[in-house]
Amino acid sequence: MKKKSTRRSFLKKATLTSAALTTAPMIMGASFEEKIILSRTYTPKNYLANDHINLALIGSGIQGIYDTQTALRVDGVKLVAVCDLYEGRLDRAMELWGTSLYTTRDYRKILERKDIDAVIVATPDHWHQKITIDALKAGKHVYCEKPMVQKFGEGQAIIKAQKKSGKICQVGSQGMSSLGNEKAKQLYEEGAIGDIVMLDMYNDRYSAQGAWQYPIPPDANPNTIDFDEFLGNAPKVPYELNRFFRWRNYQDYGTGVAGDLFVHAFSTLNHILSSHGPNRALSTGGLRYWKDGRDVPDVTMTLYDYPKTDTHAAFNAAFRINFIAGNGGGGGFKLIGTEGEMEVGQNRVKLKRSKLGRLPSAYAMVAYTEATQEKINAIYKEQNLEPRASNLNTGITTWEAPNDYKGGHYDHFYNFFTAIRENKKVIQDPTFGLRASGAALLANESYFTEKPALWNPKTMKLIQS
């Protein structure tokens, strides 16, 4: 990307857009603040019963239910089957979507059905690869929840299976298709922040639920839960409800805060920058509060290095997660560049551009005589380091989704089902999904080995040091 031309493009487009969409006076003069409403148009479609995409859910937990509820808002989608290893979730599925649903504990029976076109895979992470590949081989389109893989070496097989099957496979980092991501990508490519210097991402939580201590139902027992099937290829351990219902807390089944939260940030970051991802990570942290048997940290700080590419400068990314944040919680995602910063969310983008101070201040001049200060000021004045143009387009612009926006989660499923109907590409295919999850898993690799972790973002392979 040619930064000089894109910066001029941004200044020109920003001037025209501001003049057209805001009534703020002198908008491109001195520092300003404005708000612009984003928009997205959906074309309603009516489908006959035999034109519906028949959908099945494999893994009817919290995320599986939210995924399915969102998917069913898309025109022409019908849920016909649900699989889960806990009987109570199958009962809940029928409460939500009707007693005519086909329900089973065995996902293979879902894949055997000829009337199912697509499946949502919302199981614990250690099942993602196997079920996704089995579904593709069975001729099903797949929406696989993030992270696409639990381990580095699992992704290539999914990529191969998807290509061989010819079916659509979307990785479910739900904010990827949002208005916020779309606008941020446009602004970055137009040069809104100049060259990126760093990414600052944090997620603070202050609740048991936020720390994955999910409630355990009183009817959970060896008869209502297929615990052995849940274990799958994980190490064999005695029956334990915490492991089943709070699986994110264990390395055997989940991917910790990196796979659960970092992967969203990497999906957005790589999308905005058209990047393959980082090549190095250094992580630290610890188990500070939620000492409930889990073997993953509840506080994590990871630094990533992104190498220079055709689409971005070399930069650093800082990721921070705190599950015991006494401030009450919150989060942020900021791209900081040489000419501005963007705060990106699914529903909004906030762009701040400031003037770079190049002239010496009173602080820097205090040690010189007044006569010397005058000479220094004269030298700087001759250099014209702060021309009038440097004051243009400084200020804050916020782009926000309208109140009736259907949301990034909806857009991601809309993208998935449109790709199925029209044989188009999805926004987050398995190659993209592996690059996002691989980058996230670097944090775990570094944390548990207590040394930097190296990754080749092009070949998508861990580099053994």
Protein backbone atom coordinates (compact mmCIF):
# COMPACT_ATOMS: atom_id res chain seq x y z
CA MET A 1 0.00 0.00 0.00
CA LYS A 2 1.36 3.41 -0.96
CA LYS A 3 0.91 5.41 2.20
CA LYS A 4 1.48 8.87 0.67
CA SER A 5 -1.21 8.45 -1.94
CA THR A 6 -3.64 6.87 0.52
CA ARG A 7 -3.14 9.74 2.97
CA ARG A 8 -4.05 12.23 0.25
CA SER A 9 -7.00 10.01 -0.63
CA PHE A 10 -8.14 10.03 2.99
CA LEU A 11 -7.85 13.83 3.33
CA LYS A 12 -9.80 14.38 0.13
CA LYS A 13 -12.53 11.87 0.97
CA ALA A 14 -12.77 13.06 4.57
CA THR A 15 -13.29 16.63 3.38
CA LEU A 16 -16.02 15.63 0.94
CA THR A 17 -17.70 13.24 3.37
CA SER A 18 -17.70 15.75 6.20
CA ALA A 19 -19.17 18.46 3.99
CA ALA A 20 -21.93 16.12 2.88
CA LEU A 21 -22.80 14.41 6.17
CA THR A 22 -22.38 17.00 8.89
CA THR A 23 -23.40 20.57 9.55
CA ALA A 24 -20.57 21.30 11.98
CA PRO A 25 -18.97 24.68 11.08
CA MET A 26 -15.36 24.87 9.86
CA ILE A 27 -15.19 21.10 9.98
CA MET A 28 -11.79 20.86 8.31
CA GLY A 29 -10.32 23.91 9.96
CA ALA A 30 -9.18 23.70 13.54
CA SER A 31 -9.73 20.67 15.75
CA PHE A 32 -13.30 19.34 15.54
CA GLU A 33 -15.60 16.56 16.68
CA GLU A 34 -18.31 14.98 14.55
CA LYS A 35 -20.51 11.90 14.37
CA ILE A 36 -21.53 10.05 11.20
CA ILE A 37 -24.13 7.28 10.99
CA LEU A 38 -23.15 4.16 9.08
CA SER A 39 -25.65 2.16 7.04
CA ARG A 40 -26.17 -1.29 5.60
CA THR A 41 -29.02 -2.43 3.39
CA TYR A 42 -30.45 -5.94 3.45
CA THR A 43 -32.76 -7.18 0.71
CA PRO A 44 -35.64 -9.21 2.22
CA LYS A 45 -36.24 -12.50 0.43
CA ASN A 46 -39.07 -15.00 0.62
CA TYR A 47 -38.09 -18.62 0.17
CA LEU A 48 -40.36 -21.58 -0.42
CA ALA A 49 -40.13 -24.44 2.06
CA ASN A 50 -38.03 -26.57 -0.26
CA ASP A 51 -35.61 -23.67 -0.81
CA HIS A 52 -34.67 -23.35 2.86
CA ILE A 53 -31.15 -24.09 4.05
CA ASN A 54 -31.64 -26.87 6.59
CA LEU A 55 -29.37 -26.27 9.56
CA ALA A 56 -28.19 -28.46 12.43
CA LEU A 57 -26.49 -27.40 15.65
CA ILE A 58 -23.70 -29.54 17.11
CA GLY A 59 -22.99 -28.31 20.63
CA SER A 60 -26.01 -26.57 22.14
CA GLY A 61 -24.26 -24.66 24.89
CA ILE A 62 -24.25 -20.91 25.46
CA GLN A 63 -22.50 -19.92 22.23
CA GLY A 64 -24.27 -22.59 20.21
CA ILE A 65 -27.65 -21.20 21.24
CA TYR A 66 -26.69 -17.61 20.48
CA ASP A 67 -25.27 -18.70 17.13
CA THR A 68 -28.44 -20.57 16.22
CA GLN A 69 -30.79 -17.80 17.32
CA THR A 70 -28.85 -15.39 15.12
CA ALA A 71 -28.66 -17.78 12.17
CA LEU A 72 -32.43 -18.25 12.20
CA ARG A 73 -32.93 -14.51 11.74
CA VAL A 74 -31.50 -14.83 8.25
CA ASP A 75 -34.20 -15.40 5.62
CA GLY A 76 -34.56 -18.94 4.33
CA VAL A 77 -32.88 -20.83 7.18
CA LYS A 78 -34.55 -23.65 9.11
CA LEU A 79 -33.22 -25.59 12.13
CA VAL A 80 -33.96 -29.30 11.85
CA ALA A 81 -31.61 -31.03 14.30
CA VAL A 82 -29.57 -30.49 17.48
CA CYS A 83 -26.81 -32.55 19.07
CA ASP A 84 -25.41 -32.25 22.58
CA LEU A 85 -23.90 -34.56 25.16
CA TYR A 86 -26.06 -33.25 28.02
CA GLU A 87 -29.70 -34.30 27.91
CA GLY A 88 -30.87 -31.06 29.51
CA ARG A 89 -29.57 -29.03 26.59
CA LEU A 90 -31.55 -31.15 24.17
CA ASP A 91 -34.66 -30.44 26.25
CA ARG A 92 -33.80 -26.74 26.15
CA ALA A 93 -33.40 -26.86 22.38
CA MET A 94 -36.93 -28.21 22.03
CA GLU A 95 -38.19 -25.46 24.36
CA LEU A 96 -36.60 -22.87 22.14
CA TRP A 97 -37.21 -24.28 18.67
CA GLY A 98 -39.99 -26.85 18.89
CA THR A 99 -40.53 -30.50 19.74
CA SER A 100 -40.34 -31.51 16.09
CA LEU A 101 -36.56 -31.13 16.22
CA TYR A 102 -34.44 -34.21 15.74
CA THR A 103 -32.18 -34.48 18.81
CA THR A 104 -29.27 -36.79 19.52
CA ARG A 105 -26.12 -37.17 21.59
CA ASP A 106 -24.21 -38.56 18.60
CA TYR A 107 -23.08 -35.94 16.08
CA ARG A 108 -22.45 -38.67 13.50
CA LYS A 109 -26.20 -39.25 13.24
CA ILE A 110 -26.56 -35.56 12.34
CA LEU A 111 -24.04 -35.95 9.53
CA GLU A 112 -25.77 -39.07 8.18
CA ARG A 113 -28.98 -37.15 7.50
CA LYS A 114 -29.44 -36.22 3.84
CA ASP A 115 -31.81 -33.34 4.61
CA ILE A 116 -29.18 -31.29 6.46
CA ASP A 117 -27.29 -28.73 4.36
CA ALA A 118 -25.16 -26.97 6.98
CA VAL A 119 -24.01 -27.40 10.56
CA ILE A 120 -22.85 -25.10 13.33
CA VAL A 121 -19.96 -26.60 15.28
CA ALA A 122 -20.07 -24.98 18.74
CA THR A 123 -18.43 -27.71 20.79
CA PRO A 124 -15.45 -27.42 23.14
CA ASP A 125 -12.31 -26.48 21.23
CA HIS A 126 -10.72 -29.94 21.26
CA TRP A 127 -13.58 -31.26 19.09
CA HIS A 128 -13.48 -28.53 16.43
CA GLN A 129 -11.09 -30.16 14.01
CA LYS A 130 -12.59 -33.65 13.97
CA ILE A 131 -16.24 -32.63 13.70
CA THR A 132 -15.50 -29.94 11.10
CA ILE A 133 -13.59 -32.39 8.90
CA ASP A 134 -16.21 -35.11 9.36
CA ALA A 135 -18.95 -32.65 8.41
CA LEU A 136 -17.12 -31.48 5.29
CA LYS A 137 -16.52 -35.08 4.22
CA ALA A 138 -20.24 -35.72 4.73
CA GLY A 139 -21.03 -32.93 2.27
CA LYS A 140 -22.17 -30.34 4.81
CA HIS A 141 -21.35 -26.65 4.85
CA VAL A 142 -19.75 -25.73 8.18
CA TYR A 143 -19.84 -22.74 10.49
CA CYS A 144 -17.10 -23.56 13.02
CA GLU A 145 -16.86 -21.49 16.17
CA LYS A 146 -13.56 -19.83 16.98
CA PRO A 147 -10.85 -20.75 17.63
CA MET A 148 -10.85 -23.00 14.59
CA VAL A 149 -8.23 -25.25 16.18
CA GLN A 150 -7.03 -26.15 19.64
CA LYS A 151 -3.49 -27.03 18.53
CA PHE A 152 -1.14 -25.60 15.91
CA GLY A 153 -0.96 -28.75 13.81
CA GLU A 154 -4.71 -29.17 13.32
CA GLY A 155 -5.45 -26.40 10.85
CA GLN A 156 -3.88 -27.69 7.65
CA ALA A 157 -6.15 -30.74 7.66
CA ILE A 158 -9.24 -28.53 7.85
CA ILE A 159 -7.99 -26.38 4.96
CA LYS A 160 -7.37 -29.51 2.89
CA ALA A 161 -10.76 -31.04 3.75
CA GLN A 162 -12.60 -27.83 2.83
CA LYS A 163 -10.88 -27.54 -0.53
CA LYS A 164 -11.48 -31.20 -1.35
CA SER A 165 -15.14 -31.04 -0.35
CA GLY A 166 -15.94 -27.85 -2.25
CA LYS A 167 -18.22 -26.87 0.63
CA ILE A 168 -18.33 -23.55 2.44
CA CYS A 169 -16.53 -23.29 5.78
CA GLN A 170 -16.88 -20.11 7.82
CA VAL A 171 -14.96 -19.60 11.07
CA GLY A 172 -17.16 -17.98 13.69
CA SER A 173 -15.42 -14.92 15.02
CA GLN A 174 -18.73 -13.13 14.89
CA GLY A 175 -17.57 -9.52 14.71
CA MET A 176 -15.63 -10.08 11.50
CA SER A 177 -18.42 -9.04 9.13
CA SER A 178 -19.57 -6.04 11.19
CA LEU A 179 -20.06 -2.46 10.08
CA GLY A 180 -17.30 -1.43 12.47
CA ASN A 181 -14.74 -3.74 10.87
CA GLU A 182 -15.82 -2.73 7.39
CA LYS A 183 -15.42 0.99 8.10
CA ALA A 184 -12.13 0.56 9.96
CA LYS A 185 -10.65 -1.36 7.03
CA GLN A 186 -11.73 1.37 4.62
CA LEU A 187 -10.28 4.13 6.80
CA TYR A 188 -6.99 2.33 7.28
CA GLU A 189 -6.57 1.69 3.56
CA GLU A 190 -7.27 5.37 2.87
CA GLY A 191 -4.43 6.33 5.21
CA ALA A 192 -6.50 7.66 8.11
CA ILE A 193 -3.91 6.75 10.77
CA GLY A 194 -0.80 6.80 8.58
CA ASP A 195 1.56 3.91 9.25
CA ILE A 196 0.44 1.66 12.10
CA VAL A 197 2.81 1.69 15.07
CA MET A 198 1.00 -0.45 17.62
CA LEU A 199 -2.23 -2.21 18.57
CA ASP A 200 -3.58 -1.91 22.12
CA MET A 201 -6.18 -4.50 23.14
CA TYR A 202 -7.52 -5.19 26.63
CA ASN A 203 -10.43 -7.03 28.19
CA ASP A 204 -11.20 -6.59 31.89
CA ARG A 205 -13.78 -8.75 33.67
CA TYR A 206 -15.09 -8.79 37.21
CA SER A 207 -17.57 -11.62 37.67
CA ALA A 208 -17.60 -15.37 38.18
CA GLN A 209 -19.40 -15.80 34.87
CA GLY A 210 -16.82 -13.65 33.09
CA ALA A 211 -14.16 -15.96 34.52
CA TRP A 212 -16.02 -19.00 33.08
CA GLN A 213 -17.52 -20.28 36.34
CA TYR A 214 -20.74 -21.21 34.58
CA PRO A 215 -23.63 -22.72 36.58
CA ILE A 216 -23.88 -26.49 36.80
CA PRO A 217 -27.44 -27.90 36.54
CA PRO A 218 -28.66 -30.05 39.46
CA ASP A 219 -29.78 -32.88 37.18
CA ALA A 220 -26.29 -33.35 35.74
CA ASN A 221 -25.14 -36.93 36.38
CA PRO A 222 -23.54 -39.85 34.50
CA ASN A 223 -26.95 -40.76 33.06
CA THR A 224 -27.74 -37.33 31.61
CA ILE A 225 -24.18 -36.61 30.44
CA ASP A 226 -21.97 -38.62 28.08
CA PHE A 227 -18.70 -37.72 29.78
CA ASP A 228 -16.56 -40.31 27.99
CA GLU A 229 -17.64 -38.97 24.60
CA PHE A 230 -16.92 -35.42 25.79
CA LEU A 231 -13.31 -36.40 26.55
CA GLY A 232 -12.76 -37.53 22.97
CA ASN A 233 -9.03 -37.58 22.24
CA ALA A 234 -8.21 -35.71 25.46
CA PRO A 235 -6.54 -37.56 28.35
CA LYS A 236 -8.83 -39.97 30.17
CA VAL A 237 -9.84 -38.64 33.59
CA PRO A 238 -12.54 -39.55 36.12
CA TYR A 239 -16.02 -38.10 35.67
CA GLU A 240 -16.05 -34.45 36.77
CA LEU A 241 -18.80 -31.89 36.20
CA ASN A 242 -16.46 -28.90 36.33
CA ARG A 243 -14.56 -30.22 33.35
CA PHE A 244 -17.75 -30.73 31.36
CA PHE A 245 -19.54 -27.45 32.08
CA ARG A 246 -16.47 -25.26 32.66
CA TRP A 247 -14.20 -26.78 30.04
CA ARG A 248 -12.63 -23.43 29.06
CA ASN A 249 -10.66 -23.59 32.33
CA TYR A 250 -8.64 -26.61 31.21
CA GLN A 251 -5.88 -27.01 28.66
CA ASP A 252 -7.19 -30.47 27.76
CA TYR A 253 -10.32 -29.03 26.13
CA GLY A 254 -9.95 -25.28 25.65
CA THR A 255 -7.38 -22.68 24.68
CA GLY A 256 -7.56 -20.28 27.63
CA VAL A 257 -8.02 -16.56 27.26
CA ALA A 258 -5.93 -16.57 24.08
CA GLY A 259 -8.23 -18.87 22.13
CA ASP A 260 -11.37 -17.41 23.64
CA LEU A 261 -10.58 -13.69 23.41
CA PHE A 262 -7.31 -12.96 21.58
CA VAL A 263 -8.58 -14.72 18.48
CA HIS A 264 -11.38 -12.16 18.02
CA ALA A 265 -8.82 -9.36 18.08
CA PHE A 266 -6.53 -11.10 15.62
CA SER A 267 -9.44 -11.73 13.26
CA THR A 268 -10.33 -8.04 13.26
CA LEU A 269 -6.73 -6.81 13.14
CA ASN A 270 -5.65 -9.09 10.29
CA HIS A 271 -8.80 -8.20 8.36
CA ILE A 272 -8.35 -4.43 8.70
CA LEU A 273 -4.68 -4.58 7.72
CA SER A 274 -4.96 -7.35 5.11
CA SER A 275 -2.26 -9.05 7.18
CA HIS A 276 -1.18 -12.65 7.67
CA GLY A 277 -0.43 -11.92 11.32
CA PRO A 278 2.49 -11.73 13.78
CA ASN A 279 5.69 -13.74 13.79
CA ARG A 280 6.66 -13.55 17.47
CA ALA A 281 4.99 -13.51 20.89
CA LEU A 282 6.17 -13.05 24.46
CA SER A 283 3.65 -13.77 27.19
CA THR A 284 3.45 -13.56 30.95
CA GLY A 285 0.74 -13.66 33.58
CA GLY A 286 -0.55 -16.04 36.21
CA LEU A 287 -3.42 -17.53 38.15
CA ARG A 288 -4.13 -14.69 40.57
CA TYR A 289 -7.63 -15.21 41.92
CA TRP A 290 -9.83 -17.91 40.34
CA LYS A 291 -8.01 -20.85 41.93
CA ASP A 292 -10.84 -23.31 41.34
CA GLY A 293 -8.88 -26.16 39.82
CA ARG A 294 -8.29 -24.51 36.45
CA ASP A 295 -4.88 -24.82 34.84
CA VAL A 296 -4.93 -21.68 32.67
CA PRO A 297 -4.09 -18.13 33.85
CA ASP A 298 -6.73 -15.55 34.73
CA VAL A 299 -4.35 -12.64 34.09
CA THR A 300 -2.40 -12.55 30.85
CA MET A 301 -0.24 -9.97 29.09
CA THR A 302 1.23 -10.77 25.68
CA LEU A 303 3.36 -8.72 23.32
CA TYR A 304 3.35 -9.55 19.59
CA ASP A 305 5.65 -8.49 16.74
CA TYR A 306 4.19 -7.93 13.29
CA PRO A 307 6.78 -7.87 10.48
CA LYS A 308 6.66 -5.28 7.70
CA THR A 309 4.58 -6.30 4.67
CA ASP A 310 3.14 -4.67 1.56
CA THR A 311 0.03 -3.66 3.52
CA HIS A 312 1.48 -2.42 6.81
CA ALA A 313 4.63 -1.22 8.53
CA ALA A 314 6.36 -3.30 11.18
CA PHE A 315 4.54 -2.76 14.49
CA ASN A 316 3.89 -4.16 17.94
CA ALA A 317 0.66 -5.39 19.49
CA ALA A 318 -0.13 -5.52 23.20
CA PHE A 319 -2.88 -7.85 24.46
CA ARG A 320 -4.02 -7.78 28.08
CA ILE A 321 -6.69 -9.85 29.84
CA ASN A 322 -7.68 -9.50 33.50
CA PHE A 323 -10.42 -11.71 34.98
CA ILE A 324 -10.24 -10.03 38.39
CA ALA A 325 -10.39 -6.35 37.42
CA GLY A 326 -11.58 -4.41 40.45
CA ASN A 327 -12.51 -1.48 38.24
CA GLY A 328 -15.66 -3.36 37.25
CA GLY A 329 -14.59 -4.37 33.78
CA GLY A 330 -14.38 -3.00 30.27
CA GLY A 331 -12.48 -3.45 27.05
CA GLY A 332 -10.75 -1.68 24.21
CA PHE A 333 -9.21 -2.20 20.79
CA LYS A 334 -7.10 0.63 19.35
CA LEU A 335 -4.97 0.85 16.25
CA ILE A 336 -2.40 3.59 16.80
CA GLY A 337 -0.55 5.08 13.84
CA THR A 338 1.83 7.86 12.93
CA GLU A 339 -1.03 10.24 12.09
CA GLY A 340 -3.97 9.09 14.20
CA GLU A 341 -5.65 6.29 16.09
CA MET A 342 -8.80 4.22 15.57
CA GLU A 343 -10.85 2.69 18.35
CA VAL A 344 -12.74 -0.16 16.70
CA GLY A 345 -15.88 -1.98 17.81
CA GLN A 346 -18.54 -3.95 15.97
CA ASN A 347 -20.95 -1.00 16.00
CA ARG A 348 -18.64 1.98 15.91
CA VAL A 349 -15.27 3.35 14.88
CA LYS A 350 -13.74 6.38 16.57
CA LEU A 351 -10.96 8.11 14.65
CA LYS A 352 -8.78 10.66 16.41
CA ARG A 353 -6.20 12.70 14.49
CA SER A 354 -3.86 15.11 16.26
CA LYS A 355 -1.19 17.56 15.17
CA LEU A 356 2.35 16.32 15.73
CA GLY A 357 4.22 18.80 17.91
CA ARG A 358 7.54 19.67 16.27
CA LEU A 359 8.41 23.05 17.87
CA PRO A 360 10.35 23.29 21.17
CA SER A 361 8.23 24.12 24.21
CA ALA A 362 9.05 26.27 27.21
CA TYR A 363 10.13 23.10 29.00
CA ALA A 364 12.82 22.40 26.38
CA MET A 365 13.97 26.04 26.25
CA VAL A 366 14.24 26.76 29.97
CA ALA A 367 17.99 26.12 30.13
CA TYR A 368 18.83 28.69 27.44
CA THR A 369 19.17 32.47 27.70
CA GLU A 370 16.42 34.56 26.20
CA ALA A 371 18.76 35.62 23.39
CA THR A 372 19.52 31.99 22.56
CA GLN A 373 15.84 31.13 22.72
CA GLU A 374 15.09 33.79 20.11
CA LYS A 375 17.77 32.39 17.82
CA ILE A 376 16.44 28.84 18.23
CA ASN A 377 12.88 29.98 17.50
CA ALA A 378 14.07 31.77 14.37
CA ILE A 379 15.78 28.61 13.12
CA TYR A 380 12.64 26.53 13.64
CA LYS A 381 10.49 29.19 11.98
CA GLU A 382 12.64 29.08 8.85
CA GLN A 383 12.14 25.31 8.64
CA ASN A 384 8.35 25.76 8.59
CA LEU A 385 7.83 22.49 10.49
CA GLU A 386 4.21 23.26 11.34
CA PRO A 387 2.58 24.73 8.22
CA ARG A 388 -1.12 25.55 8.21
CA ALA A 389 -1.81 22.25 6.46
CA SER A 390 -0.70 20.37 9.58
CA ASN A 391 -3.72 21.80 11.40
CA LEU A 392 -6.19 20.44 8.85
CA ASN A 393 -8.26 17.37 9.64
CA THR A 394 -7.31 17.17 13.29
CA GLY A 395 -10.04 16.17 15.67
CA ILE A 396 -12.39 13.27 16.37
CA THR A 397 -14.83 11.56 14.04
CA THR A 398 -17.07 8.74 15.23
CA TRP A 399 -18.90 6.45 12.83
CA GLU A 400 -21.78 4.59 14.49
CA ALA A 401 -24.20 1.94 13.36
CA PRO A 402 -27.87 2.97 13.35
CA ASN A 403 -30.22 1.84 16.11
CA ASP A 404 -31.84 -0.74 13.82
CA TYR A 405 -28.54 -2.34 12.80
CA LYS A 406 -28.87 -6.12 12.92
CA GLY A 407 -25.36 -6.55 14.29
CA GLY A 408 -22.05 -8.12 13.37
CA HIS A 409 -23.15 -11.59 14.45
CA TYR A 410 -26.08 -11.44 12.02
CA ASP A 411 -23.82 -10.12 9.26
CA HIS A 412 -21.41 -13.02 9.75
CA PHE A 413 -24.19 -15.59 9.32
CA TYR A 414 -25.67 -13.59 6.44
CA ASN A 415 -22.25 -13.80 4.78
CA PHE A 416 -22.14 -17.57 5.43
CA PHE A 417 -25.57 -18.37 4.02
CA THR A 418 -25.13 -16.03 1.05
CA ALA A 419 -21.90 -17.84 0.20
CA ILE A 420 -23.78 -21.15 0.30
CA ARG A 421 -26.59 -19.94 -1.95
CA GLU A 422 -24.44 -18.05 -4.44
CA ASN A 423 -21.23 -20.10 -4.24
CA LYS A 424 -19.26 -17.08 -3.06
CA LYS A 425 -16.29 -16.74 -0.72
CA VAL A 426 -16.80 -16.21 3.00
CA ILE A 427 -15.03 -13.47 4.91
CA GLN A 428 -13.30 -15.91 7.30
CA ASP A 429 -12.33 -19.14 5.56
CA PRO A 430 -10.17 -21.87 7.17
CA THR A 431 -6.90 -20.29 6.02
CA PHE A 432 -7.88 -16.99 7.65
CA GLY A 433 -9.15 -18.90 10.66
CA LEU A 434 -5.85 -20.73 11.13
CA ARG A 435 -3.86 -17.51 10.94
CA ALA A 436 -6.06 -15.92 13.60
CA SER A 437 -6.10 -18.93 15.92
CA GLY A 438 -2.41 -19.66 15.36
CA ALA A 439 -1.49 -16.13 16.39
CA ALA A 440 -3.63 -16.48 19.51
CA LEU A 441 -2.12 -19.84 20.43
CA LEU A 442 1.34 -18.26 20.37
CA ALA A 443 0.44 -16.63 23.69
CA ASN A 444 -0.12 -20.04 25.28
CA GLU A 445 3.04 -21.44 23.74
CA SER A 446 5.11 -18.58 25.15
CA TYR A 447 3.40 -18.61 28.55
CA PHE A 448 3.80 -22.32 29.24
CA THR A 449 7.32 -22.65 27.80
CA GLU A 450 8.41 -19.40 29.48
CA LYS A 451 10.16 -18.13 26.35
CA PRO A 452 9.31 -16.27 23.13
CA ALA A 453 7.22 -18.21 20.60
CA LEU A 454 7.97 -17.89 16.88
CA TRP A 455 5.45 -18.39 14.06
CA ASN A 456 5.56 -18.19 10.28
CA PRO A 457 2.36 -16.33 9.36
CA LYS A 458 2.65 -17.22 5.67
CA THR A 459 3.13 -20.97 6.02
CA MET A 460 1.07 -20.99 9.24
CA LYS A 461 3.55 -23.14 11.14
CA LEU A 462 5.18 -22.90 14.54
CA ILE A 463 8.94 -22.35 14.41
CA GLN A 464 10.75 -24.54 16.89
CA SER A 465 13.50 -22.61 18.70
